[in-house]
């Protein structure tokens, strides 16, 4: 029985599984975080990705504030009509949401590597 060349058909004598660990060029074009992980490795790529998320969310906030800046007088007039305790609560909620977005990105990227390492360890331990 003759096999095909490489992974061409028939791929049966013996069966050749698809190669593991190869970089997907198409995925690198539309997912910059994947490109970071490929270039820097999983651990450093996850940390740099979390940092990029924090920096981008802060930059987006500052960008929005910059363009709303000329309307500060209108915003201050509206806030002056609201009781001070409500204005402080609204400001606190906005700051909390920004901090939560940064913390969530950091947590999500940090735990993903731990979960993957744990899965690999369990697979290695369970396979004889």
Foldseek 3Di string as FASTA:
>chain_A
DDQDPDQDPPCVVPHDDDDPDDDDPVCVVPDVLSVLCNVPNLPVSLVVQLVVQLVVLVVVVVVVCVVCVVVVVVVVVVVVVPPPVVVVVVVVVVVVVSVVSSVVSSVVSVVVVVVVVVVVVVVVVVPD
